[in-house]
Amino acid sequence: MLLISLVVNFLIGIMNFLEYLLIGYIILGWFVFFGAIKDRDGVFFKVYVFLMSKIEPLLGYIRRYLPTVAGLDFSPLVVFVGLHFAKVIIIRIFFIIANG
């Protein structure tokens, strides 16, 4: 049971980390888009590029199946909702196993 608990906590931790990376990517993307981050050699832009390299493959996969609507990209929202449902499913399965 302890091993299952450790695996569940590890998976939830990874999903939370992905959510934080996605939030950082979105916020820094707004700053770049609106011109608040203009220095391409600055620290914030390098962090943005790093986050883009980690998050964009996942968002690109979603964008293949979900087109933009009126110029809005809903792929980050789909990833957030998917991560949330995955966490709920993992936690419910763990409780079923633990109490079953």
C-alpha atoms as a PDB file:
ATOM      1  CA  MET A   1       0.000   0.000   0.000  1.00  0.00           C
ATOM      2  CA  LEU A   2       2.895   2.339   0.762  1.00  0.00           C
ATOM      3  CA  LEU A   3       4.327   1.803  -2.718  1.00  0.00           C
ATOM      4  CA  ILE A   4       1.002   2.655  -4.333  1.00  0.00           C
ATOM      5  CA  SER A   5       0.741   5.785  -2.186  1.00  0.00           C
ATOM      6  CA  LEU A   6       4.239   6.865  -3.244  1.00  0.00           C
ATOM      7  CA  VAL A   7       3.446   6.298  -6.925  1.00  0.00           C
ATOM      8  CA  VAL A   8       0.192   8.268  -6.652  1.00  0.00           C
ATOM      9  CA  ASN A   9       1.933  11.144  -4.874  1.00  0.00           C
ATOM     10  CA  PHE A  10       4.673  11.125  -7.517  1.00  0.00           C
ATOM     11  CA  LEU A  11       2.158  11.242 -10.381  1.00  0.00           C
ATOM     12  CA  ILE A  12       0.157  14.026  -8.736  1.00  0.00           C
ATOM     13  CA  GLY A  13       3.385  15.954  -8.149  1.00  0.00           C
ATOM     14  CA  ILE A  14       4.360  15.662 -11.809  1.00  0.00           C
ATOM     15  CA  MET A  15       0.924  16.864 -12.900  1.00  0.00           C
ATOM     16  CA  ASN A  16       1.081  19.818 -10.492  1.00  0.00           C
ATOM     17  CA  PHE A  17       4.546  20.674 -11.834  1.00  0.00           C
ATOM     18  CA  LEU A  18       3.200  20.607 -15.398  1.00  0.00           C
ATOM     19  CA  GLU A  19       0.401  22.961 -14.372  1.00  0.00           C
ATOM     20  CA  TYR A  20       2.908  25.414 -12.883  1.00  0.00           C
ATOM     21  CA  LEU A  21       5.049  25.254 -16.022  1.00  0.00           C
ATOM     22  CA  LEU A  22       1.960  25.923 -18.131  1.00  0.00           C
ATOM     23  CA  ILE A  23       0.926  28.902 -15.993  1.00  0.00           C
ATOM     24  CA  GLY A  24       4.425  30.379 -16.266  1.00  0.00           C
ATOM     25  CA  TYR A  25       4.455  29.816 -20.015  1.00  0.00           C
ATOM     26  CA  ILE A  26       1.083  31.521 -20.448  1.00  0.00           C
ATOM     27  CA  ILE A  27       1.967  34.552 -18.314  1.00  0.00           C
ATOM     28  CA  LEU A  28       5.383  35.066 -19.905  1.00  0.00           C
ATOM     29  CA  GLY A  29       3.787  34.570 -23.321  1.00  0.00           C
ATOM     30  CA  TRP A  30       1.421  37.458 -22.596  1.00  0.00           C
ATOM     31  CA  PHE A  31       4.360  39.654 -21.596  1.00  0.00           C
ATOM     32  CA  VAL A  32       6.210  38.791 -24.803  1.00  0.00           C
ATOM     33  CA  PHE A  33       3.097  39.270 -26.951  1.00  0.00           C
ATOM     34  CA  PHE A  34       2.276  42.681 -25.509  1.00  0.00           C
ATOM     35  CA  GLY A  35       5.877  43.875 -25.672  1.00  0.00           C
ATOM     36  CA  ALA A  36       6.617  44.048 -21.951  1.00  0.00           C
ATOM     37  CA  ILE A  37       9.562  41.679 -22.500  1.00  0.00           C
ATOM     38  CA  LYS A  38      11.525  43.184 -25.382  1.00  0.00           C
ATOM     39  CA  ASP A  39      15.066  42.080 -24.577  1.00  0.00           C
ATOM     40  CA  ARG A  40      15.642  38.795 -26.403  1.00  0.00           C
ATOM     41  CA  ASP A  41      18.824  38.196 -24.385  1.00  0.00           C
ATOM     42  CA  GLY A  42      17.193  38.813 -21.002  1.00  0.00           C
ATOM     43  CA  VAL A  43      16.524  36.286 -18.292  1.00  0.00           C
ATOM     44  CA  PHE A  44      12.741  36.366 -18.634  1.00  0.00           C
ATOM     45  CA  PHE A  45      12.880  35.660 -22.358  1.00  0.00           C
ATOM     46  CA  LYS A  46      15.281  32.762 -21.769  1.00  0.00           C
ATOM     47  CA  VAL A  47      12.879  31.338 -19.176  1.00  0.00           C
ATOM     48  CA  TYR A  48      10.050  31.771 -21.688  1.00  0.00           C
ATOM     49  CA  VAL A  49      12.009  29.928 -24.373  1.00  0.00           C
ATOM     50  CA  PHE A  50      12.821  27.136 -21.894  1.00  0.00           C
ATOM     51  CA  LEU A  51       9.158  26.801 -20.911  1.00  0.00           C
ATOM     52  CA  MET A  52       8.157  26.882 -24.568  1.00  0.00           C
ATOM     53  CA  SER A  53      10.494  23.997 -25.322  1.00  0.00           C
ATOM     54  CA  LYS A  54       8.867  21.915 -22.580  1.00  0.00           C
ATOM     55  CA  ILE A  55       5.190  22.857 -22.997  1.00  0.00           C
ATOM     56  CA  GLU A  56       4.820  23.471 -26.726  1.00  0.00           C
ATOM     57  CA  PRO A  57       5.030  19.776 -27.803  1.00  0.00           C
ATOM     58  CA  LEU A  58       2.032  18.997 -25.596  1.00  0.00           C
ATOM     59  CA  LEU A  59       0.099  22.051 -26.779  1.00  0.00           C
ATOM     60  CA  GLY A  60       1.029  21.325 -30.393  1.00  0.00           C
ATOM     61  CA  TYR A  61      -0.473  17.867 -30.098  1.00  0.00           C
ATOM     62  CA  ILE A  62      -3.737  19.348 -28.810  1.00  0.00           C
ATOM     63  CA  ARG A  63      -3.707  22.052 -31.513  1.00  0.00           C
ATOM     64  CA  ARG A  64      -3.690  19.375 -34.212  1.00  0.00           C
ATOM     65  CA  TYR A  65      -7.180  18.325 -33.156  1.00  0.00           C
ATOM     66  CA  LEU A  66      -8.527  21.599 -31.726  1.00  0.00           C
ATOM     67  CA  PRO A  67      -8.451  24.558 -34.096  1.00  0.00           C
ATOM     68  CA  THR A  68      -8.296  28.144 -32.904  1.00  0.00           C
ATOM     69  CA  VAL A  69     -11.664  29.850 -32.557  1.00  0.00           C
ATOM     70  CA  ALA A  70     -11.781  33.548 -33.472  1.00  0.00           C
ATOM     71  CA  GLY A  71      -8.029  33.732 -32.997  1.00  0.00           C
ATOM     72  CA  LEU A  72      -8.131  32.230 -29.505  1.00  0.00           C
ATOM     73  CA  ASP A  73      -6.052  29.187 -28.631  1.00  0.00           C
ATOM     74  CA  PHE A  74      -7.863  26.888 -26.221  1.00  0.00           C
ATOM     75  CA  SER A  75      -5.161  24.216 -26.049  1.00  0.00           C
ATOM     76  CA  PRO A  76      -3.823  25.368 -22.623  1.00  0.00           C
ATOM     77  CA  LEU A  77      -7.347  25.171 -21.228  1.00  0.00           C
ATOM     78  CA  VAL A  78      -7.752  21.647 -22.603  1.00  0.00           C
ATOM     79  CA  VAL A  79      -4.444  20.637 -20.992  1.00  0.00           C
ATOM     80  CA  PHE A  80      -5.517  22.120 -17.636  1.00  0.00           C
ATOM     81  CA  VAL A  81      -8.852  20.317 -17.735  1.00  0.00           C
ATOM     82  CA  GLY A  82      -7.181  17.079 -18.831  1.00  0.00           C
ATOM     83  CA  LEU A  83      -4.628  17.278 -16.014  1.00  0.00           C
ATOM     84  CA  HIS A  84      -7.381  17.979 -13.504  1.00  0.00           C
ATOM     85  CA  PHE A  85      -9.467  15.005 -14.610  1.00  0.00           C
ATOM     86  CA  ALA A  86      -6.397  12.761 -14.665  1.00  0.00           C
ATOM     87  CA  LYS A  87      -5.591  13.758 -11.074  1.00  0.00           C
ATOM     88  CA  VAL A  88      -9.175  13.109  -9.972  1.00  0.00           C
ATOM     89  CA  ILE A  89      -9.192   9.690 -11.639  1.00  0.00           C
ATOM     90  CA  ILE A  90      -5.841   8.709 -10.107  1.00  0.00           C
ATOM     91  CA  ILE A  91      -6.936   9.793  -6.625  1.00  0.00           C
ATOM     92  CA  ARG A  92     -10.275   7.963  -6.906  1.00  0.00           C
ATOM     93  CA  ILE A  93      -8.583   4.774  -8.084  1.00  0.00           C
ATOM     94  CA  PHE A  94      -6.161   5.030  -5.166  1.00  0.00           C
ATOM     95  CA  PHE A  95      -9.012   5.399  -2.664  1.00  0.00           C
ATOM     96  CA  ILE A  96     -10.850   2.460  -4.205  1.00  0.00           C
ATOM     97  CA  ILE A  97      -7.719   0.326  -3.891  1.00  0.00           C
ATOM     98  CA  ALA A  98      -6.961   1.573  -0.377  1.00  0.00           C
ATOM     99  CA  ASN A  99     -10.493   1.068   0.948  1.00  0.00           C
ATOM    100  CA  GLY A 100     -11.412  -1.954  -1.134  1.00  0.00           C
END
